[in-house]
Amino acid sequence: MQVENYMSRTPVTLRDDTVYWKAFDIMQEKDLHHIPVVNESSKVVGMLARRDMQIAAQHFKELPMEVSEVMHSPIVTISPDEPLSEAARQMIKNRIGGLPVLDADSQMVGILTETDLLRALIDQLDR
């Protein structure tokens, strides 16, 4: 089982200069827990997690912030042809819940989350 078989192929992304509150609204509206962050060249530069945004909101309620101030960077990524087991190992090792999936040209082609891994597990258990 490979990453490409379970990843989400059209992930929502945010620019690194997006205002924190707009990013929070997008996460809430689309019920997302992880959003890849890209720069003006569409290169993946970070990962934004809902948990991190909630923590930041408690500490910085009055300050205007950009996503770049809250995101995780550098990021851990994976390629679409990697086995799901390697993706799970990377998530556990790095204590993260989502991996941007990059092709050989470092272009993002999807995102793999904990939920995607659970879908793969269910598929295996149902066999």
N, C-alpha and C. Protein backbone atom coordinates (compact mmCIF):
# COMPACT_ATOMS: atom_id res chain seq x y z
N MET A 1 0.84 -1.18 0.00
CA MET A 1 0.00 0.00 0.00
C MET A 1 0.89 1.24 0.00
N GLN A 2 0.64 2.08 -0.97
CA GLN A 2 1.45 3.28 -1.14
C GLN A 2 0.68 4.54 -0.75
N VAL A 3 1.45 5.57 -0.45
CA VAL A 3 0.90 6.87 -0.06
C VAL A 3 -0.11 7.37 -1.10
N GLU A 4 0.23 7.25 -2.38
CA GLU A 4 -0.63 7.81 -3.43
C GLU A 4 -2.03 7.20 -3.45
N ASN A 5 -2.19 6.01 -2.90
CA ASN A 5 -3.49 5.36 -2.89
C ASN A 5 -4.44 5.90 -1.82
N TYR A 6 -3.91 6.62 -0.85
CA TYR A 6 -4.75 7.10 0.26
C TYR A 6 -4.66 8.60 0.51
N MET A 7 -3.73 9.28 -0.14
CA MET A 7 -3.57 10.72 0.10
C MET A 7 -4.75 11.50 -0.49
N SER A 8 -4.98 12.68 0.05
CA SER A 8 -5.95 13.61 -0.53
C SER A 8 -5.22 14.37 -1.62
N ARG A 9 -5.77 14.35 -2.83
CA ARG A 9 -5.05 14.90 -3.98
C ARG A 9 -5.21 16.40 -4.19
N THR A 10 -6.19 16.99 -3.62
CA THR A 10 -6.39 18.43 -3.81
C THR A 10 -6.50 19.12 -2.45
N PRO A 11 -5.40 19.16 -1.72
CA PRO A 11 -5.48 19.75 -0.38
C PRO A 11 -5.66 21.27 -0.43
N VAL A 12 -6.33 21.76 0.58
CA VAL A 12 -6.41 23.21 0.78
C VAL A 12 -5.02 23.66 1.20
N THR A 13 -4.56 24.77 0.66
CA THR A 13 -3.28 25.34 1.08
C THR A 13 -3.50 26.79 1.50
N LEU A 14 -2.54 27.30 2.24
CA LEU A 14 -2.55 28.70 2.65
C LEU A 14 -1.22 29.32 2.29
N ARG A 15 -1.23 30.58 1.95
CA ARG A 15 0.01 31.32 1.75
C ARG A 15 0.61 31.64 3.11
N ASP A 16 1.93 31.74 3.15
CA ASP A 16 2.60 32.01 4.42
C ASP A 16 2.31 33.40 4.97
N ASP A 17 1.80 34.29 4.14
CA ASP A 17 1.47 35.64 4.62
C ASP A 17 -0.01 35.81 4.94
N THR A 18 -0.76 34.69 4.96
CA THR A 18 -2.17 34.74 5.32
C THR A 18 -2.30 35.16 6.79
N VAL A 19 -3.25 36.02 7.06
CA VAL A 19 -3.50 36.46 8.44
C VAL A 19 -4.05 35.28 9.25
N TYR A 20 -3.55 35.16 10.47
CA TYR A 20 -3.91 34.07 11.37
C TYR A 20 -5.41 33.83 11.46
N TRP A 21 -6.18 34.88 11.68
CA TRP A 21 -7.63 34.70 11.88
C TRP A 21 -8.32 34.18 10.62
N LYS A 22 -7.84 34.57 9.45
CA LYS A 22 -8.42 34.05 8.21
C LYS A 22 -8.12 32.56 8.09
N ALA A 23 -6.90 32.17 8.43
CA ALA A 23 -6.52 30.76 8.39
C ALA A 23 -7.37 29.95 9.37
N PHE A 24 -7.58 30.50 10.56
CA PHE A 24 -8.39 29.81 11.56
C PHE A 24 -9.82 29.62 11.04
N ASP A 25 -10.38 30.64 10.41
CA ASP A 25 -11.73 30.54 9.86
C ASP A 25 -11.81 29.47 8.78
N ILE A 26 -10.80 29.38 7.92
CA ILE A 26 -10.78 28.37 6.86
C ILE A 26 -10.74 26.97 7.48
N MET A 27 -9.89 26.79 8.50
CA MET A 27 -9.81 25.49 9.17
C MET A 27 -11.16 25.09 9.77
N GLN A 28 -11.81 26.04 10.42
CA GLN A 28 -13.10 25.76 11.04
C GLN A 28 -14.16 25.46 9.98
N GLU A 29 -14.22 26.29 8.96
CA GLU A 29 -15.23 26.16 7.91
C GLU A 29 -15.11 24.83 7.17
N LYS A 30 -13.89 24.40 6.88
CA LYS A 30 -13.67 23.18 6.10
C LYS A 30 -13.39 21.97 6.98
N ASP A 31 -13.43 22.16 8.31
CA ASP A 31 -13.18 21.10 9.28
C ASP A 31 -11.85 20.38 9.02
N LEU A 32 -10.79 21.17 8.91
CA LEU A 32 -9.45 20.65 8.66
C LEU A 32 -8.61 20.72 9.92
N HIS A 33 -7.67 19.80 10.03
CA HIS A 33 -6.76 19.80 11.17
C HIS A 33 -5.33 20.13 10.76
N HIS A 34 -5.03 20.00 9.47
CA HIS A 34 -3.69 20.27 8.94
C HIS A 34 -3.82 20.94 7.58
N ILE A 35 -3.06 22.01 7.39
CA ILE A 35 -3.06 22.69 6.09
C ILE A 35 -1.62 22.99 5.70
N PRO A 36 -1.18 22.52 4.52
CA PRO A 36 0.15 22.88 4.04
C PRO A 36 0.21 24.39 3.75
N VAL A 37 1.36 24.97 4.04
CA VAL A 37 1.58 26.40 3.81
C VAL A 37 2.58 26.55 2.68
N VAL A 38 2.24 27.42 1.72
CA VAL A 38 3.10 27.64 0.55
C VAL A 38 3.53 29.10 0.49
N ASN A 39 4.64 29.34 -0.22
CA ASN A 39 5.09 30.72 -0.42
C ASN A 39 4.55 31.25 -1.74
N GLU A 40 5.02 32.43 -2.13
CA GLU A 40 4.52 33.06 -3.36
C GLU A 40 4.84 32.26 -4.61
N SER A 41 5.82 31.34 -4.52
CA SER A 41 6.18 30.47 -5.65
C SER A 41 5.47 29.12 -5.59
N SER A 42 4.53 28.98 -4.68
CA SER A 42 3.78 27.73 -4.46
C SER A 42 4.64 26.60 -3.92
N LYS A 43 5.79 26.93 -3.37
CA LYS A 43 6.65 25.92 -2.73
C LYS A 43 6.16 25.71 -1.30
N VAL A 44 6.06 24.44 -0.89
CA VAL A 44 5.63 24.13 0.47
C VAL A 44 6.72 24.56 1.45
N VAL A 45 6.34 25.42 2.39
CA VAL A 45 7.32 25.96 3.35
C VAL A 45 6.96 25.64 4.80
N GLY A 46 5.80 25.05 5.02
CA GLY A 46 5.41 24.74 6.39
C GLY A 46 4.11 23.98 6.45
N MET A 47 3.74 23.63 7.67
CA MET A 47 2.48 22.94 7.91
C MET A 47 1.79 23.63 9.08
N LEU A 48 0.53 23.91 8.91
CA LEU A 48 -0.25 24.56 9.95
C LEU A 48 -1.18 23.53 10.56
N ALA A 49 -1.12 23.39 11.88
CA ALA A 49 -1.97 22.43 12.60
C ALA A 49 -2.98 23.19 13.45
N ARG A 50 -4.18 22.67 13.51
CA ARG A 50 -5.25 23.31 14.29
C ARG A 50 -4.83 23.45 15.76
N ARG A 51 -4.20 22.44 16.29
CA ARG A 51 -3.78 22.48 17.69
C ARG A 51 -2.83 23.65 17.94
N ASP A 52 -1.89 23.85 17.05
CA ASP A 52 -0.94 24.95 17.20
C ASP A 52 -1.64 26.30 17.12
N MET A 53 -2.65 26.38 16.27
CA MET A 53 -3.39 27.64 16.15
C MET A 53 -4.18 27.93 17.41
N GLN A 54 -4.73 26.89 18.01
CA GLN A 54 -5.49 27.09 19.25
C GLN A 54 -4.57 27.55 20.38
N ILE A 55 -3.38 26.97 20.45
CA ILE A 55 -2.41 27.38 21.47
C ILE A 55 -1.98 28.82 21.23
N ALA A 56 -1.70 29.16 19.99
CA ALA A 56 -1.28 30.53 19.66
C ALA A 56 -2.38 31.53 20.00
N ALA A 57 -3.62 31.15 19.77
CA ALA A 57 -4.74 32.06 20.05
C ALA A 57 -4.82 32.41 21.53
N GLN A 58 -4.47 31.48 22.38
CA GLN A 58 -4.50 31.74 23.82
C GLN A 58 -3.42 32.73 24.25
N HIS A 59 -2.31 32.73 23.53
CA HIS A 59 -1.18 33.56 23.92
C HIS A 59 -1.09 34.90 23.20
N PHE A 60 -1.68 34.96 22.02
CA PHE A 60 -1.50 36.15 21.19
C PHE A 60 -2.83 36.72 20.70
N LYS A 61 -3.78 36.84 21.56
CA LYS A 61 -5.12 37.28 21.16
C LYS A 61 -5.13 38.68 20.56
N GLU A 62 -4.27 39.54 21.02
CA GLU A 62 -4.32 40.94 20.60
C GLU A 62 -3.43 41.25 19.40
N LEU A 63 -2.47 40.40 19.12
CA LEU A 63 -1.49 40.72 18.08
C LEU A 63 -1.94 40.22 16.71
N PRO A 64 -1.73 41.02 15.68
CA PRO A 64 -1.95 40.49 14.32
C PRO A 64 -0.79 39.55 13.97
N MET A 65 -1.12 38.35 13.56
CA MET A 65 -0.10 37.36 13.21
C MET A 65 -0.36 36.83 11.82
N GLU A 66 0.72 36.37 11.20
CA GLU A 66 0.62 35.68 9.93
C GLU A 66 0.84 34.19 10.17
N VAL A 67 0.38 33.39 9.24
CA VAL A 67 0.54 31.94 9.32
C VAL A 67 2.01 31.56 9.50
N SER A 68 2.91 32.28 8.88
CA SER A 68 4.34 31.96 8.96
C SER A 68 4.86 32.00 10.39
N GLU A 69 4.18 32.70 11.29
CA GLU A 69 4.61 32.79 12.68
C GLU A 69 4.12 31.63 13.53
N VAL A 70 3.19 30.85 13.01
CA VAL A 70 2.58 29.77 13.77
C VAL A 70 2.90 28.40 13.18
N MET A 71 3.18 28.33 11.88
CA MET A 71 3.37 27.06 11.18
C MET A 71 4.61 26.33 11.66
N HIS A 72 4.61 25.02 11.41
CA HIS A 72 5.80 24.19 11.65
C HIS A 72 6.70 24.30 10.42
N SER A 73 7.95 24.56 10.67
CA SER A 73 8.93 24.63 9.59
C SER A 73 10.31 24.41 10.20
N PRO A 74 11.18 23.62 9.58
CA PRO A 74 11.01 22.93 8.30
C PRO A 74 10.01 21.78 8.44
N ILE A 75 9.52 21.34 7.32
CA ILE A 75 8.48 20.32 7.32
C ILE A 75 9.04 18.96 6.96
N VAL A 76 8.32 17.95 7.37
CA VAL A 76 8.60 16.58 6.98
C VAL A 76 7.66 16.27 5.83
N THR A 77 8.18 15.73 4.75
CA THR A 77 7.36 15.41 3.58
C THR A 77 7.56 13.94 3.21
N ILE A 78 6.76 13.49 2.28
CA ILE A 78 6.89 12.12 1.80
C ILE A 78 6.55 12.11 0.31
N SER A 79 7.03 11.10 -0.39
CA SER A 79 6.72 11.00 -1.83
C SER A 79 5.55 10.04 -2.02
N PRO A 80 4.84 10.18 -3.14
CA PRO A 80 3.64 9.36 -3.37
C PRO A 80 3.92 7.87 -3.50
N ASP A 81 5.15 7.50 -3.88
CA ASP A 81 5.45 6.09 -4.07
C ASP A 81 5.99 5.40 -2.82
N GLU A 82 6.07 6.13 -1.71
CA GLU A 82 6.52 5.52 -0.45
C GLU A 82 5.41 4.64 0.12
N PRO A 83 5.80 3.60 0.86
CA PRO A 83 4.78 2.78 1.51
C PRO A 83 4.10 3.54 2.66
N LEU A 84 2.85 3.23 2.90
CA LEU A 84 2.12 3.86 4.00
C LEU A 84 2.81 3.62 5.34
N SER A 85 3.45 2.47 5.47
CA SER A 85 4.14 2.18 6.74
C SER A 85 5.23 3.21 7.01
N GLU A 86 5.93 3.66 5.98
CA GLU A 86 6.96 4.68 6.17
C GLU A 86 6.33 6.02 6.56
N ALA A 87 5.20 6.34 5.96
CA ALA A 87 4.50 7.57 6.33
C ALA A 87 4.10 7.53 7.80
N ALA A 88 3.56 6.39 8.24
CA ALA A 88 3.16 6.24 9.64
C ALA A 88 4.37 6.38 10.56
N ARG A 89 5.49 5.77 10.18
CA ARG A 89 6.72 5.90 10.99
C ARG A 89 7.15 7.35 11.11
N GLN A 90 7.10 8.09 10.00
CA GLN A 90 7.51 9.50 10.03
C GLN A 90 6.58 10.33 10.92
N MET A 91 5.29 10.04 10.84
CA MET A 91 4.34 10.77 11.69
C MET A 91 4.60 10.50 13.17
N ILE A 92 4.84 9.23 13.50
CA ILE A 92 5.12 8.88 14.90
C ILE A 92 6.44 9.50 15.36
N LYS A 93 7.47 9.32 14.56
CA LYS A 93 8.80 9.83 14.92
C LYS A 93 8.79 11.34 15.14
N ASN A 94 8.09 12.06 14.28
CA ASN A 94 8.09 13.52 14.33
C ASN A 94 6.91 14.11 15.09
N ARG A 95 6.05 13.23 15.61
CA ARG A 95 4.88 13.64 16.39
C ARG A 95 4.02 14.64 15.63
N ILE A 96 3.68 14.26 14.39
CA ILE A 96 2.87 15.11 13.52
C ILE A 96 1.67 14.32 13.00
N GLY A 97 0.66 15.03 12.55
CA GLY A 97 -0.56 14.37 12.09
C GLY A 97 -0.81 14.48 10.60
N GLY A 98 0.12 15.09 9.86
CA GLY A 98 -0.07 15.23 8.42
C GLY A 98 1.25 15.41 7.70
N LEU A 99 1.32 14.86 6.51
CA LEU A 99 2.52 14.96 5.68
C LEU A 99 2.16 15.50 4.30
N PRO A 100 2.76 16.61 3.88
CA PRO A 100 2.60 17.01 2.48
C PRO A 100 3.27 15.95 1.59
N VAL A 101 2.63 15.63 0.50
CA VAL A 101 3.17 14.64 -0.44
C VAL A 101 3.75 15.40 -1.62
N LEU A 102 5.06 15.22 -1.84
CA LEU A 102 5.76 15.94 -2.91
C LEU A 102 6.26 14.97 -3.96
N ASP A 103 6.16 15.38 -5.23
CA ASP A 103 6.68 14.56 -6.32
C ASP A 103 8.18 14.77 -6.47
N ALA A 104 8.77 14.15 -7.50
CA ALA A 104 10.22 14.23 -7.70
C ALA A 104 10.71 15.65 -7.96
N ASP A 105 9.82 16.54 -8.41
CA ASP A 105 10.18 17.93 -8.66
C ASP A 105 9.86 18.84 -7.48
N SER A 106 9.59 18.23 -6.32
CA SER A 106 9.25 18.96 -5.09
C SER A 106 7.95 19.75 -5.20
N GLN A 107 7.07 19.33 -6.09
CA GLN A 107 5.75 19.94 -6.21
C GLN A 107 4.77 19.15 -5.36
N MET A 108 3.91 19.85 -4.64
CA MET A 108 2.94 19.16 -3.80
C MET A 108 1.85 18.54 -4.66
N VAL A 109 1.64 17.25 -4.44
CA VAL A 109 0.61 16.52 -5.18
C VAL A 109 -0.50 16.02 -4.26
N GLY A 110 -0.35 16.26 -2.95
CA GLY A 110 -1.38 15.83 -2.02
C GLY A 110 -0.94 16.00 -0.58
N ILE A 111 -1.78 15.50 0.31
CA ILE A 111 -1.48 15.48 1.75
C ILE A 111 -1.97 14.15 2.30
N LEU A 112 -1.21 13.59 3.21
CA LEU A 112 -1.59 12.35 3.89
C LEU A 112 -1.74 12.67 5.37
N THR A 113 -2.89 12.33 5.94
CA THR A 113 -3.16 12.63 7.34
C THR A 113 -3.40 11.34 8.13
N GLU A 114 -3.51 11.50 9.44
CA GLU A 114 -3.83 10.36 10.30
C GLU A 114 -5.13 9.70 9.87
N THR A 115 -6.09 10.49 9.46
CA THR A 115 -7.37 9.95 9.01
C THR A 115 -7.19 9.06 7.79
N ASP A 116 -6.31 9.46 6.87
CA ASP A 116 -6.03 8.65 5.69
C ASP A 116 -5.41 7.31 6.09
N LEU A 117 -4.52 7.34 7.08
CA LEU A 117 -3.92 6.09 7.56
C LEU A 117 -4.97 5.19 8.20
N LEU A 118 -5.91 5.77 8.91
CA LEU A 118 -6.99 4.97 9.50
C LEU A 118 -7.88 4.35 8.42
N ARG A 119 -8.12 5.09 7.33
CA ARG A 119 -8.89 4.52 6.20
C ARG A 119 -8.17 3.30 5.63
N ALA A 120 -6.84 3.40 5.50
CA ALA A 120 -6.05 2.28 4.99
C ALA A 120 -6.13 1.08 5.94
N LEU A 121 -6.07 1.35 7.22
CA LEU A 121 -6.16 0.28 8.21
C LEU A 121 -7.52 -0.41 8.12
N ILE A 122 -8.57 0.36 8.01
CA ILE A 122 -9.92 -0.22 7.88
C ILE A 122 -10.00 -1.09 6.64
N ASP A 123 -9.44 -0.61 5.52
CA ASP A 123 -9.44 -1.40 4.29
C ASP A 123 -8.76 -2.75 4.51
N GLN A 124 -7.65 -2.74 5.23
CA GLN A 124 -6.92 -3.99 5.49
C GLN A 124 -7.69 -4.90 6.44
N LEU A 125 -8.30 -4.33 7.46
CA LEU A 125 -9.05 -5.14 8.42
C LEU A 125 -10.30 -5.75 7.80
N ASP A 126 -10.86 -5.08 6.82
CA ASP A 126 -12.07 -5.58 6.16
C ASP A 126 -11.79 -6.67 5.14
N ARG A 127 -10.55 -6.91 4.83
CA ARG A 127 -10.21 -7.93 3.81
C ARG A 127 -10.31 -9.32 4.38
